[in-house]
Amino acid sequence: MKKKIPVDDVQLDMYVAELDRPWTETPFIFQGFKITNDNQINELRKRCIYVFIDIEKGLDVSPTQSNPGFEQRMQILRDKEKNLDKKFDKLLSDSKAKHKTFNLPKRDPYIDKKSFEEELASAKKIESDARIAIRAALENVRNKKNIDLDLARKIVTNMVDSVLRNPDALVCLSQLKELSEYTALHSIRCTIIGLAFGRHLVLPRDDLIELGMGMLLHDVGMAMLPPEILEKRGGLDTKEFKIMESHIAWSLRILEESGGVSNIV
């Protein structure tokens, strides 16, 4: 069960399940972790106003009687959220008044061509092939070789066709998690979820392939980072976080040097 608490009430042995901002704006690699040292608490307090803890995986917040001021801090949070909601509503209202609503071209929605059960076997093979392909791509990057873009496009095309037949099978497989393959599986999950959303927007098949290529290859620069940073549990320090951020520039450089990648990707 998740519980929202002010960041000042975070303690050792609590399990932080969610933040009040995207995880990418913090030095924490894993989206959910148990607090094991004061450095993690300090990093949270520098960046967040509140967090969500999972009291089934870690320590609960102290009872009110032994934690003076907790209810007052919670009320301050609630008041801040109400003010933010008012500001957001005003911005949204002003934006609608100034700009015309953006509409995608009208297209008929995709219709499932197969049931979940019928597509699942094909989806398993496609997901397995995608794992092999992204592992090979990361290994090529580590060995200063170009990525096999033809293979990547073939894999993505197969994923697109599976999603167009029935998105549920691949989306179901995207929930598999193995920390030892974090980078590879993260790229595959992003691709699957991106394609499912692209199908929802009724993007043409060719656009879905371009979208899938961008999603699959967006993190290839991670292969250039030191293993001790990729595998570190908990928070990164400032120097390590700067190194982690460099994977974006590496990804761009790698794809440019591989050639044959569109500007859309």
Protein backbone atom coordinates (compact mmCIF):
# COMPACT_ATOMS: atom_id res chain seq x y z
CA MET A 1 0.00 0.00 0.00
CA LYS A 2 1.38 3.42 -0.99
CA LYS A 3 1.28 6.41 1.34
CA LYS A 4 2.12 10.02 0.50
CA ILE A 5 4.40 11.76 2.99
CA PRO A 6 6.42 15.01 3.12
CA VAL A 7 10.03 14.40 2.18
CA ASP A 8 11.14 15.66 5.61
CA ASP A 9 9.50 12.56 7.11
CA VAL A 10 11.50 10.09 5.02
CA GLN A 11 13.53 7.66 7.16
CA LEU A 12 15.94 4.77 6.75
CA ASP A 13 14.30 1.45 5.77
CA MET A 14 11.37 3.15 4.05
CA TYR A 15 10.61 1.96 0.50
CA VAL A 16 10.25 4.92 -1.88
CA ALA A 17 7.78 3.85 -4.58
CA GLU A 18 7.07 7.17 -6.34
CA LEU A 19 8.37 10.74 -6.39
CA ASP A 20 6.67 14.09 -6.97
CA ARG A 21 8.63 14.44 -10.23
CA PRO A 22 9.97 12.18 -13.02
CA TRP A 23 12.68 9.78 -11.90
CA THR A 24 14.85 11.07 -14.77
CA GLU A 25 15.18 14.37 -12.90
CA THR A 26 16.94 12.57 -10.05
CA PRO A 27 20.12 10.49 -9.69
CA PHE A 28 18.11 7.38 -8.77
CA ILE A 29 18.39 4.68 -11.44
CA PHE A 30 15.74 2.27 -10.19
CA GLN A 31 12.14 3.46 -10.01
CA GLY A 32 11.49 2.26 -6.48
CA PHE A 33 14.08 1.44 -3.81
CA LYS A 34 14.56 0.95 -0.06
CA ILE A 35 16.42 3.75 1.70
CA THR A 36 19.65 2.35 3.11
CA ASN A 37 21.76 5.44 3.85
CA ASP A 38 21.57 9.14 4.75
CA ASN A 39 22.92 10.19 1.33
CA GLN A 40 19.73 8.90 -0.31
CA ILE A 41 17.62 10.87 2.16
CA ASN A 42 19.62 14.03 1.49
CA GLU A 43 19.27 13.59 -2.28
CA LEU A 44 15.50 13.17 -1.92
CA ARG A 45 15.20 16.26 0.27
CA LYS A 46 17.20 18.34 -2.20
CA ARG A 47 14.87 17.45 -5.09
CA CYS A 48 11.43 16.56 -3.76
CA ILE A 49 8.65 18.08 -1.68
CA TYR A 50 6.88 14.78 -1.09
CA VAL A 51 7.24 11.08 -1.97
CA PHE A 52 5.09 7.97 -1.91
CA ILE A 53 6.28 5.12 0.31
CA ASP A 54 5.16 1.50 0.06
CA ILE A 55 4.49 0.40 3.63
CA GLU A 56 4.28 -3.27 2.59
CA LYS A 57 7.89 -3.17 1.37
CA GLY A 58 9.42 -0.91 3.98
CA LEU A 59 8.97 1.10 7.17
CA ASP A 60 5.76 3.07 7.71
CA VAL A 61 5.75 6.71 8.81
CA SER A 62 5.88 7.15 12.60
CA PRO A 63 2.55 7.52 14.46
CA THR A 64 1.40 11.11 14.89
CA GLN A 65 1.99 11.11 18.61
CA SER A 66 5.69 10.28 18.16
CA ASN A 67 6.11 12.46 15.09
CA PRO A 68 5.16 16.04 16.05
CA GLY A 69 4.18 18.34 13.21
CA PHE A 70 3.37 15.56 10.72
CA GLU A 71 -0.27 16.57 10.23
CA GLN A 72 0.72 20.23 9.81
CA ARG A 73 3.27 19.28 7.14
CA MET A 74 0.62 17.19 5.35
CA GLN A 75 -1.81 20.14 5.40
CA ILE A 76 0.87 22.39 3.88
CA LEU A 77 1.26 19.84 1.08
CA ARG A 78 -2.48 19.75 0.44
CA ASP A 79 -2.65 23.56 0.32
CA LYS A 80 0.26 23.70 -2.15
CA GLU A 81 -1.43 21.14 -4.40
CA LYS A 82 -4.68 23.13 -4.43
CA ASN A 83 -2.75 26.26 -5.49
CA LEU A 84 -0.94 24.33 -8.22
CA ASP A 85 -4.24 22.93 -9.50
CA LYS A 86 -5.66 26.45 -9.73
CA LYS A 87 -2.58 27.70 -11.62
CA PHE A 88 -2.73 24.75 -14.01
CA ASP A 89 -6.45 25.26 -14.71
CA LYS A 90 -5.78 28.93 -15.50
CA LEU A 91 -2.88 28.09 -17.82
CA LEU A 92 -5.01 25.50 -19.62
CA SER A 93 -7.90 27.92 -19.96
CA ASP A 94 -5.61 30.71 -21.28
CA SER A 95 -3.99 28.31 -23.74
CA LYS A 96 -7.33 27.17 -25.17
CA ALA A 97 -8.36 30.78 -25.61
CA LYS A 98 -5.18 31.69 -27.50
CA HIS A 99 -4.63 28.63 -29.66
CA LYS A 100 -6.77 26.46 -31.88
CA THR A 101 -7.14 22.86 -30.77
CA PHE A 102 -4.66 20.55 -32.51
CA ASN A 103 -6.34 17.65 -34.23
CA LEU A 104 -4.71 14.60 -35.78
CA PRO A 105 -5.91 13.70 -39.29
CA LYS A 106 -9.14 11.72 -39.10
CA ARG A 107 -8.46 8.01 -39.66
CA ASP A 108 -10.51 4.94 -38.89
CA PRO A 109 -9.28 3.19 -35.73
CA TYR A 110 -7.39 -0.07 -36.03
CA ILE A 111 -9.41 -3.23 -35.52
CA ASP A 112 -7.88 -6.30 -33.82
CA LYS A 113 -7.22 -9.01 -36.39
CA LYS A 114 -6.39 -11.72 -33.85
CA SER A 115 -7.40 -12.53 -30.32
CA PHE A 116 -4.92 -12.17 -27.46
CA GLU A 117 -4.48 -15.95 -27.29
CA GLU A 118 -3.90 -16.25 -31.04
CA GLU A 119 -1.28 -13.48 -31.09
CA LEU A 120 0.57 -14.48 -27.93
CA ALA A 121 2.75 -17.19 -29.54
CA SER A 122 3.92 -14.81 -32.29
CA ALA A 123 4.46 -12.04 -29.74
CA LYS A 124 6.68 -14.29 -27.59
CA LYS A 125 8.91 -15.06 -30.61
CA ILE A 126 9.05 -11.38 -31.60
CA GLU A 127 9.93 -10.28 -28.04
CA SER A 128 12.62 -12.96 -27.82
CA ASP A 129 14.10 -11.84 -31.16
CA ALA A 130 14.03 -8.25 -29.94
CA ARG A 131 16.03 -9.19 -26.84
CA ILE A 132 18.67 -10.91 -28.98
CA ALA A 133 18.83 -7.93 -31.36
CA ILE A 134 19.17 -5.27 -28.67
CA ARG A 135 21.80 -7.32 -26.81
CA ALA A 136 23.76 -7.60 -30.09
CA ALA A 137 23.39 -3.86 -30.69
CA LEU A 138 24.72 -3.04 -27.21
CA GLU A 139 27.60 -5.47 -27.66
CA ASN A 140 28.48 -3.87 -31.02
CA VAL A 141 28.52 -0.45 -29.36
CA ARG A 142 30.87 -1.71 -26.64
CA ASN A 143 33.17 -3.13 -29.33
CA LYS A 144 33.14 0.13 -31.36
CA LYS A 145 31.14 -1.48 -34.19
CA ASN A 146 28.12 -0.08 -36.02
CA ILE A 147 24.62 -1.20 -35.13
CA ASP A 148 22.89 -3.54 -37.58
CA LEU A 149 20.11 -1.13 -38.51
CA ASP A 150 18.58 -3.53 -41.05
CA LEU A 151 18.10 -6.10 -38.30
CA ALA A 152 16.71 -3.45 -35.94
CA ARG A 153 14.20 -2.32 -38.60
CA LYS A 154 13.15 -5.93 -39.26
CA ILE A 155 12.57 -6.47 -35.53
CA VAL A 156 10.61 -3.24 -35.18
CA THR A 157 8.51 -4.03 -38.26
CA ASN A 158 7.57 -7.38 -36.75
CA MET A 159 6.65 -5.63 -33.49
CA VAL A 160 4.51 -3.10 -35.37
CA ASP A 161 2.65 -5.85 -37.23
CA SER A 162 2.04 -7.71 -33.95
CA VAL A 163 0.70 -4.56 -32.29
CA LEU A 164 -1.58 -3.91 -35.27
CA ARG A 165 -2.94 -7.46 -35.07
CA ASN A 166 -3.52 -7.22 -31.30
CA PRO A 167 -1.48 -4.94 -28.97
CA ASP A 168 -2.34 -6.78 -25.76
CA ALA A 169 0.02 -9.73 -26.32
CA LEU A 170 3.24 -7.68 -26.60
CA VAL A 171 2.09 -5.22 -23.92
CA CYS A 172 1.59 -8.17 -21.56
CA LEU A 173 5.13 -9.40 -22.28
CA SER A 174 6.51 -5.89 -21.68
CA GLN A 175 5.81 -6.30 -17.96
CA LEU A 176 8.60 -8.86 -17.56
CA LYS A 177 11.42 -7.47 -15.42
CA GLU A 178 14.99 -8.69 -14.98
CA LEU A 179 17.37 -6.21 -13.39
CA SER A 180 20.34 -8.00 -14.94
CA GLU A 181 19.03 -6.95 -18.36
CA TYR A 182 17.74 -3.52 -17.36
CA THR A 183 18.96 -1.57 -20.41
CA ALA A 184 17.86 -4.15 -22.99
CA LEU A 185 14.44 -4.77 -21.46
CA HIS A 186 13.85 -1.07 -20.82
CA SER A 187 14.37 -0.34 -24.53
CA ILE A 188 12.02 -3.15 -25.53
CA ARG A 189 9.35 -2.06 -23.04
CA CYS A 190 9.56 1.52 -24.30
CA THR A 191 9.16 0.33 -27.87
CA ILE A 192 6.11 -1.82 -27.08
CA ILE A 193 4.33 0.86 -25.05
CA GLY A 194 5.20 3.51 -27.65
CA LEU A 195 3.81 1.38 -30.48
CA ALA A 196 0.65 0.60 -28.53
CA PHE A 197 0.09 4.32 -27.98
CA GLY A 198 0.91 5.04 -31.63
CA ARG A 199 -1.73 2.50 -32.65
CA HIS A 200 -4.20 4.25 -30.35
CA LEU A 201 -3.43 7.51 -32.20
CA VAL A 202 -4.04 5.61 -35.48
CA LEU A 203 -0.58 6.48 -36.85
CA PRO A 204 0.15 4.95 -40.28
CA ARG A 205 2.22 1.76 -40.33
CA ASP A 206 5.32 3.53 -41.75
CA ASP A 207 5.17 6.14 -38.98
CA LEU A 208 4.85 3.38 -36.39
CA ILE A 209 8.03 1.77 -37.72
CA GLU A 210 9.92 5.08 -37.41
CA LEU A 211 8.52 5.55 -33.90
CA GLY A 212 9.57 2.01 -32.96
CA MET A 213 13.10 2.49 -34.27
CA GLY A 214 13.52 5.63 -32.19
CA MET A 215 12.18 3.93 -29.07
CA LEU A 216 14.26 0.78 -29.49
CA LEU A 217 17.54 2.61 -30.06
CA HIS A 218 17.12 5.63 -27.77
CA ASP A 219 19.33 4.20 -25.00
CA VAL A 220 22.12 2.50 -26.98
CA GLY A 221 24.56 5.01 -25.48
CA MET A 222 24.11 3.27 -22.11
CA ALA A 223 26.51 0.63 -23.40
CA MET A 224 29.31 3.19 -23.17
CA LEU A 225 28.82 3.79 -19.45
CA PRO A 226 30.94 2.07 -16.77
CA PRO A 227 29.29 -1.10 -15.34
CA GLU A 228 29.73 0.18 -11.78
CA ILE A 229 27.38 3.08 -12.57
CA LEU A 230 24.81 1.00 -14.47
CA GLU A 231 24.68 -1.63 -11.74
CA LYS A 232 24.79 0.67 -8.72
CA ARG A 233 21.81 0.34 -6.37
CA GLY A 234 20.32 3.46 -4.83
CA GLY A 235 21.35 7.02 -5.70
CA LEU A 236 24.24 8.26 -7.81
CA ASP A 237 26.43 11.09 -6.57
CA THR A 238 26.73 14.30 -8.61
CA LYS A 239 29.77 13.13 -10.60
CA GLU A 240 28.19 9.75 -11.38
CA PHE A 241 24.92 11.41 -12.43
CA LYS A 242 26.82 13.62 -14.90
CA ILE A 243 28.40 10.48 -16.39
CA MET A 244 24.96 8.83 -16.60
CA GLU A 245 23.55 11.85 -18.47
CA SER A 246 26.26 11.48 -21.13
CA HIS A 247 24.49 8.40 -22.54
CA ILE A 248 22.15 10.71 -24.49
CA ALA A 249 25.00 12.31 -26.43
CA TRP A 250 26.54 8.87 -26.94
CA SER A 251 23.25 7.53 -28.35
CA LEU A 252 23.06 10.36 -30.89
CA ARG A 253 26.69 9.93 -31.92
CA ILE A 254 26.37 6.15 -32.28
CA LEU A 255 23.28 6.40 -34.49
CA GLU A 256 24.84 9.13 -36.63
CA GLU A 257 27.96 7.03 -37.16
CA SER A 258 25.87 3.96 -37.98
CA GLY A 259 24.31 5.84 -40.91
CA GLY A 260 20.92 5.29 -42.51
CA VAL A 261 18.91 6.60 -39.55
CA SER A 262 16.19 9.12 -40.37
CA ASN A 263 15.85 12.46 -38.60
CA ILE A 264 12.54 11.24 -37.20
CA VAL A 265 14.30 8.36 -35.42
